[in-house]
């Protein structure tokens, strides 16, 4: 647990000093929102508002891919990745520390993106903000968990920028389908389907357990 906390604070401190990841993630996600805005005719129409939940999660995933791809890039310098592998603890805690830091960084980018998205598409997110935040946290937890896991694999390959999306996107299908369904119902003023929330929770638990138990073999490779 102490190792996870140390890695969590280390990653957040490095990000606070450099701010390179969060700035890049924000620019990328906001650019995605602007592209959606200019590519959809008619501005904030009923049709575009109906598409808004899916578009919002596309922006979130693209932003996460950009940030998660650099999750282990710092550990490549001075062979720090080998140093992490020598930590006297279960290596799954290293993963959890990284996941927690990535979740916080992604959450900041998501909050700003949601604000701009609401302004661009004329959405009133304030009344549903707590429920929307809960859905986003559930979706982002699984996204950061499996994304951090695959980032540790991709960073050790020659084509790390290409490998992460190829590994990550197919695995995210159940998580994203549930997140978009829940967000769509919430923004439409309808009850959030319990099946979507259950799928989010089951997906998060599955990703966490499998990634935690398997991460020991990733650092060995």
Protein backbone atom coordinates (compact mmCIF):
# COMPACT_ATOMS: atom_id res chain seq x y z
CA UNK A 1 0.00 0.00 0.00
CA UNK A 2 2.83 2.41 0.86
CA UNK A 3 4.45 1.73 -2.50
CA UNK A 4 1.22 2.57 -4.30
CA UNK A 5 0.89 5.81 -2.31
CA UNK A 6 4.51 6.74 -3.04
CA UNK A 7 4.09 6.19 -6.78
CA UNK A 8 0.80 8.08 -6.72
CA UNK A 9 2.34 11.16 -5.13
CA UNK A 10 5.48 10.88 -7.26
CA UNK A 11 3.49 10.91 -10.50
CA UNK A 12 1.26 13.77 -9.37
CA UNK A 13 4.27 15.80 -8.20
CA UNK A 14 6.06 15.30 -11.51
CA UNK A 15 2.92 16.29 -13.40
CA UNK A 16 2.41 19.36 -11.20
CA UNK A 17 5.96 20.51 -11.94
CA UNK A 18 5.87 19.91 -15.69
CA UNK A 19 2.13 19.95 -16.55
CA UNK A 20 3.03 18.52 -19.95
CA UNK A 21 0.55 15.64 -19.89
CA UNK A 22 -2.47 17.54 -18.62
CA UNK A 23 -1.92 20.42 -21.05
CA UNK A 24 -1.54 18.03 -23.98
CA UNK A 25 -4.63 16.05 -22.92
CA UNK A 26 -6.71 19.21 -22.57
CA UNK A 27 -5.63 20.57 -25.94
CA UNK A 28 -6.34 17.24 -27.61
CA UNK A 29 -9.78 16.77 -26.05
CA UNK A 30 -10.82 20.39 -26.66
CA UNK A 31 -9.67 20.13 -30.25
CA UNK A 32 -11.82 17.01 -30.59
CA UNK A 33 -14.84 18.90 -29.25
CA UNK A 34 -14.22 21.74 -31.69
CA UNK A 35 -13.96 19.32 -34.61
CA UNK A 36 -17.30 17.77 -33.62
CA UNK A 37 -18.84 21.22 -33.35
CA UNK A 38 -17.77 22.35 -36.81
CA UNK A 39 -18.41 19.02 -38.52
CA UNK A 40 -22.01 18.64 -37.32
CA UNK A 41 -24.38 20.89 -39.29
CA UNK A 42 -26.89 23.15 -37.65
CA UNK A 43 -25.01 23.77 -34.40
CA UNK A 44 -26.64 22.64 -31.15
CA UNK A 45 -29.74 20.99 -32.64
CA UNK A 46 -31.81 18.24 -31.06
CA UNK A 47 -29.98 15.68 -33.19
CA UNK A 48 -26.53 16.81 -32.10
CA UNK A 49 -27.65 16.92 -28.47
CA UNK A 50 -28.86 13.34 -28.80
CA UNK A 51 -25.40 12.39 -30.09
CA UNK A 52 -23.66 14.36 -27.34
CA UNK A 53 -23.06 11.47 -24.87
CA UNK A 54 -21.25 9.39 -27.47
CA UNK A 55 -19.23 12.38 -28.67
CA UNK A 56 -18.31 13.28 -25.10
CA UNK A 57 -16.96 9.80 -24.42
CA UNK A 58 -15.02 9.84 -27.68
CA UNK A 59 -13.29 13.00 -26.48
CA UNK A 60 -12.62 11.34 -23.12
CA UNK A 61 -11.12 8.22 -24.69
CA UNK A 62 -8.89 10.18 -27.09
CA UNK A 63 -7.67 12.33 -24.21
CA UNK A 64 -7.01 9.24 -22.08
CA UNK A 65 -5.07 7.54 -24.86
CA UNK A 66 -2.82 10.56 -25.13
CA UNK A 67 -2.15 10.66 -21.41
CA UNK A 68 -1.95 6.94 -20.69
CA UNK A 69 0.58 6.48 -23.49
CA UNK A 70 3.04 8.52 -21.45
CA UNK A 71 2.27 6.86 -18.13
CA UNK A 72 5.46 4.78 -18.12
CA UNK A 73 7.55 6.91 -20.47
CA UNK A 74 9.42 8.58 -17.59
CA UNK A 75 10.40 5.18 -16.22
CA UNK A 76 12.34 4.48 -19.43
CA UNK A 77 14.92 7.10 -18.45
CA UNK A 78 17.88 5.79 -16.45
CA UNK A 79 16.28 2.32 -16.50
CA UNK A 80 13.82 3.35 -13.77
CA UNK A 81 11.41 0.65 -14.92
CA UNK A 82 13.84 -1.98 -13.66
CA UNK A 83 14.03 -0.10 -10.38
CA UNK A 84 10.27 -0.33 -10.01
CA UNK A 85 10.46 -4.06 -10.64
CA UNK A 86 12.86 -4.38 -7.69
CA UNK A 87 10.47 -2.72 -5.24
CA UNK A 88 9.98 -4.99 -2.17
CA UNK A 89 6.25 -5.45 -2.60
CA UNK A 90 3.67 -7.08 -4.79
CA UNK A 91 4.05 -5.39 -8.16
CA UNK A 92 0.32 -4.98 -8.45
CA UNK A 93 0.60 -2.08 -6.00
CA UNK A 94 2.84 -0.30 -8.49
CA UNK A 95 0.04 -0.56 -11.02
CA UNK A 96 -2.54 0.73 -8.54
CA UNK A 97 -0.39 3.77 -7.75
CA UNK A 98 -0.10 4.55 -11.44
CA UNK A 99 -3.82 4.00 -11.97
CA UNK A 100 -4.73 6.39 -9.14
CA UNK A 101 -2.46 9.12 -10.50
CA UNK A 102 -3.77 8.67 -14.03
CA UNK A 103 -7.35 8.80 -12.74
CA UNK A 104 -6.75 12.17 -11.06
CA UNK A 105 -4.99 13.66 -14.10
CA UNK A 106 -7.66 12.38 -16.46
CA UNK A 107 -10.40 13.65 -14.13
CA UNK A 108 -9.07 17.20 -14.38
CA UNK A 109 -9.04 17.00 -18.18
CA UNK A 110 -12.54 15.51 -18.20
CA UNK A 111 -13.99 18.24 -15.99
CA UNK A 112 -12.70 21.02 -18.26
CA UNK A 113 -13.78 19.11 -21.37
CA UNK A 114 -17.30 18.64 -20.00
CA UNK A 115 -17.59 22.36 -19.27
CA UNK A 116 -16.55 23.32 -22.80
CA UNK A 117 -18.71 20.55 -24.27
CA UNK A 118 -21.77 21.88 -22.42
CA UNK A 119 -21.15 25.39 -23.75
CA UNK A 120 -20.56 24.26 -27.33
CA UNK A 121 -23.57 21.93 -27.55
CA UNK A 122 -25.85 24.00 -25.31
CA UNK A 123 -26.26 21.28 -22.69
CA UNK A 124 -27.34 21.87 -19.10
CA UNK A 125 -25.04 19.58 -17.14
CA UNK A 126 -25.26 21.35 -13.77
CA UNK A 127 -28.51 19.65 -12.59
CA UNK A 128 -27.09 16.19 -13.34
CA UNK A 129 -23.49 16.97 -12.42
CA UNK A 130 -23.23 14.62 -9.37
CA UNK A 131 -24.78 11.66 -11.20
CA UNK A 132 -22.72 12.38 -14.33
CA UNK A 133 -19.56 12.58 -12.23
CA UNK A 134 -20.35 9.17 -10.76
CA UNK A 135 -20.79 7.62 -14.19
CA UNK A 136 -17.60 9.25 -15.46
CA UNK A 137 -15.63 8.02 -12.44
CA UNK A 138 -16.86 4.45 -12.95
CA UNK A 139 -16.00 4.58 -16.64
CA UNK A 140 -12.66 6.26 -16.08
CA UNK A 141 -11.60 3.78 -13.39
CA UNK A 142 -11.79 0.87 -15.80
CA UNK A 143 -10.29 2.96 -18.59
CA UNK A 144 -7.30 4.00 -16.49
CA UNK A 145 -6.83 0.50 -15.07
CA UNK A 146 -6.62 -1.40 -18.32
CA UNK A 147 -5.00 1.57 -20.06
CA UNK A 148 -2.19 1.73 -17.52
CA UNK A 149 -1.73 -2.03 -17.75
CA UNK A 150 -1.41 -1.96 -21.54
CA UNK A 151 0.77 1.15 -21.35
CA UNK A 152 3.34 -0.88 -19.40
CA UNK A 153 3.30 -3.43 -22.23
CA UNK A 154 3.38 -0.91 -25.07
CA UNK A 155 6.19 1.18 -23.61
CA UNK A 156 8.57 -1.76 -23.96
CA UNK A 157 7.90 -2.09 -27.71
CA UNK A 158 9.30 -0.16 -30.65
CA UNK A 159 5.91 1.11 -31.82
CA UNK A 160 4.52 2.13 -28.42
CA UNK A 161 2.33 4.95 -29.83
CA UNK A 162 0.54 2.48 -32.11
CA UNK A 163 0.44 -0.51 -29.79
CA UNK A 164 -1.53 1.10 -26.97
CA UNK A 165 -4.67 1.94 -29.01
CA UNK A 166 -4.54 -1.45 -30.74
CA UNK A 167 -4.43 -3.27 -27.40
CA UNK A 168 -6.76 -1.01 -25.46
CA UNK A 169 -9.70 -0.09 -27.68
CA UNK A 170 -11.07 -3.62 -28.31
CA UNK A 171 -11.02 -4.38 -24.57
CA UNK A 172 -12.94 -1.20 -23.74
CA UNK A 173 -16.05 -2.16 -25.70
CA UNK A 174 -18.23 -3.34 -22.73
CA UNK A 175 -17.11 -0.45 -20.55
CA UNK A 176 -17.78 2.23 -23.16
CA UNK A 177 -21.13 0.76 -24.20
CA UNK A 178 -22.32 0.88 -20.59
CA UNK A 179 -20.91 4.37 -20.00
CA UNK A 180 -22.54 5.80 -23.12
CA UNK A 181 -25.89 4.15 -22.32
CA UNK A 182 -25.86 5.53 -18.79
CA UNK A 183 -24.82 9.01 -19.93
CA UNK A 184 -27.45 9.06 -22.68
CA UNK A 185 -30.24 8.19 -20.26
CA UNK A 186 -29.03 10.72 -17.72
CA UNK A 187 -28.84 13.62 -20.19
CA UNK A 188 -32.24 12.69 -21.61
CA UNK A 189 -33.81 13.00 -18.16
CA UNK A 190 -34.58 9.30 -17.96
CA UNK A 191 -33.67 6.83 -15.18
CA UNK A 192 -30.17 5.45 -15.62
CA UNK A 193 -30.44 1.73 -16.53
CA UNK A 194 -29.30 -0.44 -13.67
CA UNK A 195 -27.83 -2.88 -16.19
CA UNK A 196 -25.44 -0.18 -17.41
CA UNK A 197 -24.25 0.62 -13.88
CA UNK A 198 -23.84 -3.08 -13.09
CA UNK A 199 -21.81 -3.58 -16.26
CA UNK A 200 -19.58 -0.64 -15.34
CA UNK A 201 -18.97 -2.05 -11.86
CA UNK A 202 -18.32 -5.58 -13.12
CA UNK A 203 -15.97 -4.28 -15.84
CA UNK A 204 -14.03 -2.17 -13.33
CA UNK A 205 -13.71 -5.08 -10.92
CA UNK A 206 -12.61 -7.45 -13.68
CA UNK A 207 -10.02 -5.03 -15.04
CA UNK A 208 -8.65 -4.32 -11.57
CA UNK A 209 -8.36 -7.95 -10.50
CA UNK A 210 -6.88 -9.23 -13.75
CA UNK A 211 -4.46 -6.31 -14.10
CA UNK A 212 -3.33 -6.51 -10.46
CA UNK A 213 -2.62 -10.24 -10.67
CA UNK A 214 -0.97 -10.08 -14.10
CA UNK A 215 1.23 -7.03 -13.64
CA UNK A 216 3.95 -9.07 -11.98
CA UNK A 217 4.65 -10.80 -15.32
CA UNK A 218 4.60 -7.53 -17.29
CA UNK A 219 7.58 -6.04 -15.46
CA UNK A 220 9.49 -9.30 -15.79
CA UNK A 221 9.27 -9.01 -19.58
